[in-house]
Amino acid sequence: MNGTDMCGTESRKELPLDTSASGCSCRSPAAADESRFGTGDAEYSLEGLNCGHCVESVQKAVTALDGVRAASVALNPGGLSRLVVSGSAADAAVRDAVVSAGYSLATR
């Protein structure tokens, strides 16, 4: 080799920084948005869940909302359970869905 790397530069300091769409997803606008905003997950604390039926009721009510891709509950019987919602549902809509299932969000 003649002392240059694959990009034709002589040192790492000289590597070209191309921010255009070069086929690399890490430089695309969509990738920048996802790394800055995450996956759209929102977390809530739930009160009153004690069993698998409680979990299923909440998950079913929340996943029925427009804009929700997925909802999962981490059950903590006798304590605060955790609801993770993926998507773009409004907090008020999530709260209403949880209440309609017979449970409540914990106050912060």
N, C-alpha and C. Protein backbone atom coordinates (compact mmCIF):
# COMPACT_ATOMS: atom_id res chain seq x y z
N MET A 1 0.84 -1.19 0.00
CA MET A 1 0.00 0.00 0.00
C MET A 1 0.87 1.24 0.00
N ASN A 2 0.28 2.34 -0.36
CA ASN A 2 1.04 3.58 -0.48
C ASN A 2 0.87 4.50 0.71
N GLY A 3 0.38 4.01 1.85
CA GLY A 3 0.26 4.86 3.04
C GLY A 3 -1.09 5.54 3.16
N THR A 4 -2.00 5.28 2.26
CA THR A 4 -3.32 5.88 2.36
C THR A 4 -4.32 4.81 2.77
N ASP A 5 -5.41 5.26 3.38
CA ASP A 5 -6.45 4.30 3.78
C ASP A 5 -7.43 4.10 2.63
N MET A 6 -8.51 3.40 2.91
CA MET A 6 -9.48 3.08 1.87
C MET A 6 -10.15 4.31 1.28
N CYS A 7 -10.20 5.40 2.01
CA CYS A 7 -10.86 6.61 1.50
C CYS A 7 -9.89 7.50 0.73
N GLY A 8 -8.64 7.08 0.63
CA GLY A 8 -7.67 7.87 -0.11
C GLY A 8 -7.08 9.01 0.71
N THR A 9 -7.21 8.95 2.02
CA THR A 9 -6.62 9.98 2.87
C THR A 9 -5.43 9.39 3.60
N GLU A 10 -4.55 10.24 4.07
CA GLU A 10 -3.34 9.74 4.70
C GLU A 10 -3.46 9.56 6.21
N SER A 11 -4.45 10.15 6.83
CA SER A 11 -4.62 9.95 8.26
C SER A 11 -6.09 10.02 8.61
N ARG A 12 -6.41 9.55 9.79
CA ARG A 12 -7.80 9.56 10.23
C ARG A 12 -8.32 10.99 10.35
N LYS A 13 -7.49 11.95 10.62
CA LYS A 13 -7.92 13.34 10.73
C LYS A 13 -8.47 13.86 9.41
N GLU A 14 -8.06 13.26 8.34
CA GLU A 14 -8.44 13.74 7.02
C GLU A 14 -9.63 12.99 6.43
N LEU A 15 -10.25 12.08 7.19
CA LEU A 15 -11.38 11.35 6.65
C LEU A 15 -12.49 12.30 6.27
N PRO A 16 -13.08 12.10 5.12
CA PRO A 16 -14.17 12.99 4.71
C PRO A 16 -15.40 12.76 5.57
N LEU A 17 -16.04 13.83 5.97
CA LEU A 17 -17.27 13.75 6.73
C LEU A 17 -18.41 14.17 5.84
N ASP A 18 -19.05 13.19 5.24
CA ASP A 18 -20.13 13.46 4.32
C ASP A 18 -21.45 13.31 5.06
N THR A 19 -22.19 14.40 5.20
CA THR A 19 -23.47 14.35 5.90
C THR A 19 -24.63 14.16 4.93
N SER A 20 -24.32 13.97 3.67
CA SER A 20 -25.40 13.73 2.71
C SER A 20 -25.86 12.29 2.83
N ALA A 21 -26.96 11.98 2.19
CA ALA A 21 -27.49 10.62 2.22
C ALA A 21 -26.57 9.72 1.41
N SER A 22 -25.70 9.03 2.08
CA SER A 22 -24.72 8.19 1.39
C SER A 22 -25.04 6.72 1.55
N GLY A 23 -26.27 6.41 1.94
CA GLY A 23 -26.63 5.02 2.13
C GLY A 23 -26.38 4.54 3.54
N CYS A 24 -25.79 5.35 4.35
CA CYS A 24 -25.51 4.98 5.74
C CYS A 24 -26.63 5.51 6.62
N SER A 25 -27.34 4.62 7.29
CA SER A 25 -28.51 5.03 8.06
C SER A 25 -28.15 5.90 9.26
N CYS A 26 -26.91 5.84 9.73
CA CYS A 26 -26.57 6.65 10.90
C CYS A 26 -26.49 8.13 10.55
N ARG A 27 -26.46 8.48 9.29
CA ARG A 27 -26.39 9.88 8.88
C ARG A 27 -27.70 10.36 8.28
N SER A 28 -28.71 9.51 8.26
CA SER A 28 -29.98 9.92 7.67
C SER A 28 -30.79 10.74 8.66
N PRO A 29 -31.65 11.63 8.19
CA PRO A 29 -32.48 12.42 9.09
C PRO A 29 -33.34 11.56 10.00
N ALA A 30 -33.85 10.45 9.51
CA ALA A 30 -34.69 9.58 10.33
C ALA A 30 -33.88 9.01 11.49
N ALA A 31 -32.65 8.61 11.24
CA ALA A 31 -31.83 8.06 12.31
C ALA A 31 -31.50 9.13 13.33
N ALA A 32 -31.27 10.35 12.89
CA ALA A 32 -30.99 11.44 13.82
C ALA A 32 -32.19 11.68 14.71
N ASP A 33 -33.39 11.64 14.14
CA ASP A 33 -34.59 11.85 14.94
C ASP A 33 -34.78 10.74 15.96
N GLU A 34 -34.56 9.48 15.56
CA GLU A 34 -34.74 8.38 16.49
C GLU A 34 -33.73 8.43 17.62
N SER A 35 -32.49 8.78 17.34
CA SER A 35 -31.51 8.82 18.40
C SER A 35 -31.78 9.97 19.36
N ARG A 36 -32.39 11.02 18.88
CA ARG A 36 -32.68 12.16 19.73
C ARG A 36 -33.96 11.93 20.53
N PHE A 37 -34.94 11.29 19.96
CA PHE A 37 -36.23 11.15 20.61
C PHE A 37 -36.54 9.73 21.07
N GLY A 38 -35.68 8.77 20.83
CA GLY A 38 -35.95 7.40 21.21
C GLY A 38 -36.98 6.77 20.31
N THR A 39 -37.65 5.77 20.82
CA THR A 39 -38.60 5.03 19.99
C THR A 39 -40.02 5.52 20.16
N GLY A 40 -40.22 6.58 20.86
CA GLY A 40 -41.57 7.05 21.10
C GLY A 40 -42.20 6.38 22.30
N ASP A 41 -41.39 5.75 23.15
CA ASP A 41 -41.91 5.09 24.33
C ASP A 41 -42.20 6.10 25.43
N ALA A 42 -43.33 5.88 26.09
CA ALA A 42 -43.69 6.68 27.27
C ALA A 42 -43.92 5.70 28.41
N GLU A 43 -43.50 6.08 29.62
CA GLU A 43 -43.66 5.21 30.78
C GLU A 43 -44.61 5.84 31.78
N TYR A 44 -45.42 4.99 32.39
CA TYR A 44 -46.39 5.41 33.39
C TYR A 44 -46.34 4.46 34.57
N SER A 45 -46.62 4.95 35.75
CA SER A 45 -46.75 4.12 36.94
C SER A 45 -48.23 3.85 37.16
N LEU A 46 -48.55 2.59 37.45
CA LEU A 46 -49.94 2.16 37.62
C LEU A 46 -50.17 1.70 39.05
N GLU A 47 -51.37 1.95 39.54
CA GLU A 47 -51.77 1.49 40.87
C GLU A 47 -52.88 0.47 40.73
N GLY A 48 -52.91 -0.50 41.64
CA GLY A 48 -54.03 -1.41 41.75
C GLY A 48 -53.93 -2.70 40.97
N LEU A 49 -52.84 -2.96 40.28
CA LEU A 49 -52.71 -4.20 39.52
C LEU A 49 -52.16 -5.29 40.44
N ASN A 50 -52.80 -6.48 40.40
CA ASN A 50 -52.38 -7.55 41.28
C ASN A 50 -52.10 -8.88 40.59
N CYS A 51 -52.53 -9.02 39.34
CA CYS A 51 -52.39 -10.33 38.69
C CYS A 51 -52.28 -10.18 37.17
N GLY A 52 -52.14 -11.32 36.51
CA GLY A 52 -52.04 -11.34 35.05
C GLY A 52 -53.28 -10.81 34.36
N HIS A 53 -54.46 -11.03 34.95
CA HIS A 53 -55.70 -10.50 34.36
C HIS A 53 -55.67 -8.98 34.37
N CYS A 54 -55.17 -8.39 35.44
CA CYS A 54 -55.05 -6.93 35.51
C CYS A 54 -54.15 -6.42 34.38
N VAL A 55 -53.02 -7.09 34.19
CA VAL A 55 -52.06 -6.72 33.15
C VAL A 55 -52.73 -6.80 31.78
N GLU A 56 -53.41 -7.91 31.50
CA GLU A 56 -54.08 -8.08 30.22
C GLU A 56 -55.14 -7.02 29.97
N SER A 57 -55.89 -6.67 31.01
CA SER A 57 -56.94 -5.64 30.87
C SER A 57 -56.36 -4.29 30.48
N VAL A 58 -55.28 -3.89 31.15
CA VAL A 58 -54.64 -2.60 30.85
C VAL A 58 -54.03 -2.62 29.46
N GLN A 59 -53.28 -3.67 29.15
CA GLN A 59 -52.64 -3.75 27.84
C GLN A 59 -53.66 -3.72 26.71
N LYS A 60 -54.76 -4.43 26.87
CA LYS A 60 -55.80 -4.46 25.84
C LYS A 60 -56.42 -3.07 25.65
N ALA A 61 -56.72 -2.39 26.75
CA ALA A 61 -57.33 -1.06 26.68
C ALA A 61 -56.40 -0.05 26.02
N VAL A 62 -55.13 -0.10 26.36
CA VAL A 62 -54.17 0.89 25.83
C VAL A 62 -53.82 0.59 24.38
N THR A 63 -53.64 -0.67 24.03
CA THR A 63 -53.28 -0.98 22.63
C THR A 63 -54.42 -0.68 21.67
N ALA A 64 -55.63 -0.54 22.17
CA ALA A 64 -56.77 -0.20 21.32
C ALA A 64 -56.76 1.28 20.92
N LEU A 65 -55.93 2.09 21.54
CA LEU A 65 -55.88 3.53 21.24
C LEU A 65 -55.22 3.77 19.88
N ASP A 66 -55.71 4.77 19.16
CA ASP A 66 -55.08 5.19 17.92
C ASP A 66 -53.67 5.67 18.21
N GLY A 67 -52.74 5.25 17.38
CA GLY A 67 -51.35 5.70 17.50
C GLY A 67 -50.49 4.81 18.38
N VAL A 68 -51.08 3.87 19.09
CA VAL A 68 -50.30 2.98 19.95
C VAL A 68 -49.84 1.77 19.14
N ARG A 69 -48.53 1.56 19.11
CA ARG A 69 -47.97 0.39 18.43
C ARG A 69 -47.91 -0.81 19.36
N ALA A 70 -47.63 -0.56 20.64
CA ALA A 70 -47.53 -1.65 21.62
C ALA A 70 -47.65 -1.07 23.02
N ALA A 71 -48.10 -1.91 23.94
CA ALA A 71 -48.17 -1.54 25.35
C ALA A 71 -47.79 -2.76 26.16
N SER A 72 -46.95 -2.56 27.16
CA SER A 72 -46.57 -3.67 28.02
C SER A 72 -46.55 -3.20 29.47
N VAL A 73 -46.91 -4.12 30.35
CA VAL A 73 -46.97 -3.82 31.77
C VAL A 73 -45.99 -4.72 32.51
N ALA A 74 -45.18 -4.13 33.37
CA ALA A 74 -44.33 -4.88 34.29
C ALA A 74 -45.06 -4.88 35.63
N LEU A 75 -45.59 -6.03 35.99
CA LEU A 75 -46.42 -6.17 37.19
C LEU A 75 -45.57 -6.16 38.45
N ASN A 76 -46.00 -5.38 39.42
CA ASN A 76 -45.39 -5.33 40.74
C ASN A 76 -46.54 -5.42 41.76
N PRO A 77 -47.00 -6.65 42.06
CA PRO A 77 -48.15 -6.81 42.95
C PRO A 77 -47.94 -6.11 44.29
N GLY A 78 -48.92 -5.35 44.71
CA GLY A 78 -48.83 -4.63 45.98
C GLY A 78 -48.04 -3.33 45.90
N GLY A 79 -47.51 -3.03 44.74
CA GLY A 79 -46.74 -1.80 44.55
C GLY A 79 -47.12 -1.14 43.25
N LEU A 80 -46.28 -0.25 42.78
CA LEU A 80 -46.53 0.43 41.52
C LEU A 80 -46.03 -0.42 40.36
N SER A 81 -46.91 -0.71 39.43
CA SER A 81 -46.54 -1.43 38.22
C SER A 81 -46.14 -0.40 37.17
N ARG A 82 -45.45 -0.85 36.12
CA ARG A 82 -44.95 0.06 35.10
C ARG A 82 -45.59 -0.27 33.76
N LEU A 83 -46.14 0.75 33.12
CA LEU A 83 -46.73 0.64 31.79
C LEU A 83 -45.82 1.36 30.81
N VAL A 84 -45.42 0.67 29.74
CA VAL A 84 -44.62 1.27 28.68
C VAL A 84 -45.46 1.25 27.41
N VAL A 85 -45.66 2.44 26.83
CA VAL A 85 -46.48 2.58 25.63
C VAL A 85 -45.59 3.06 24.49
N SER A 86 -45.59 2.32 23.39
CA SER A 86 -44.85 2.71 22.19
C SER A 86 -45.84 3.30 21.19
N GLY A 87 -45.53 4.48 20.72
CA GLY A 87 -46.39 5.12 19.74
C GLY A 87 -46.61 6.57 20.07
N SER A 88 -47.72 7.09 19.58
CA SER A 88 -47.94 8.54 19.69
C SER A 88 -49.24 8.90 20.40
N ALA A 89 -49.73 8.07 21.28
CA ALA A 89 -50.97 8.37 22.00
C ALA A 89 -50.73 9.48 23.03
N ALA A 90 -51.72 10.34 23.19
CA ALA A 90 -51.64 11.42 24.17
C ALA A 90 -51.75 10.85 25.59
N ASP A 91 -51.09 11.52 26.53
CA ASP A 91 -51.13 11.09 27.93
C ASP A 91 -52.56 10.98 28.45
N ALA A 92 -53.40 11.94 28.09
CA ALA A 92 -54.80 11.92 28.56
C ALA A 92 -55.53 10.69 28.03
N ALA A 93 -55.26 10.31 26.78
CA ALA A 93 -55.91 9.13 26.21
C ALA A 93 -55.45 7.86 26.91
N VAL A 94 -54.17 7.79 27.23
CA VAL A 94 -53.65 6.63 27.96
C VAL A 94 -54.29 6.56 29.33
N ARG A 95 -54.34 7.70 30.02
CA ARG A 95 -54.97 7.75 31.35
C ARG A 95 -56.42 7.27 31.27
N ASP A 96 -57.17 7.78 30.30
CA ASP A 96 -58.57 7.40 30.15
C ASP A 96 -58.72 5.90 29.86
N ALA A 97 -57.83 5.34 29.07
CA ALA A 97 -57.88 3.91 28.77
C ALA A 97 -57.61 3.08 30.01
N VAL A 98 -56.64 3.49 30.81
CA VAL A 98 -56.31 2.79 32.05
C VAL A 98 -57.49 2.85 33.01
N VAL A 99 -58.10 4.03 33.14
CA VAL A 99 -59.27 4.20 34.02
C VAL A 99 -60.44 3.35 33.52
N SER A 100 -60.65 3.30 32.20
CA SER A 100 -61.74 2.49 31.65
C SER A 100 -61.54 1.01 31.93
N ALA A 101 -60.29 0.59 32.12
CA ALA A 101 -60.00 -0.81 32.44
C ALA A 101 -60.15 -1.08 33.94
N GLY A 102 -60.39 -0.02 34.72
CA GLY A 102 -60.62 -0.19 36.15
C GLY A 102 -59.43 0.08 37.04
N TYR A 103 -58.42 0.76 36.51
CA TYR A 103 -57.19 1.02 37.26
C TYR A 103 -56.87 2.51 37.20
N SER A 104 -55.74 2.91 37.77
CA SER A 104 -55.39 4.32 37.72
C SER A 104 -53.89 4.51 37.59
N LEU A 105 -53.53 5.65 37.01
CA LEU A 105 -52.12 6.02 36.96
C LEU A 105 -51.74 6.60 38.31
N ALA A 106 -50.55 6.31 38.74
CA ALA A 106 -50.05 6.87 40.01
C ALA A 106 -49.76 8.34 39.81
N THR A 107 -50.06 9.13 40.81
CA THR A 107 -49.74 10.56 40.74
C THR A 107 -48.26 10.73 41.02
N ARG A 108 -47.68 11.65 40.35
CA ARG A 108 -46.22 11.86 40.49
C ARG A 108 -45.92 12.92 41.49
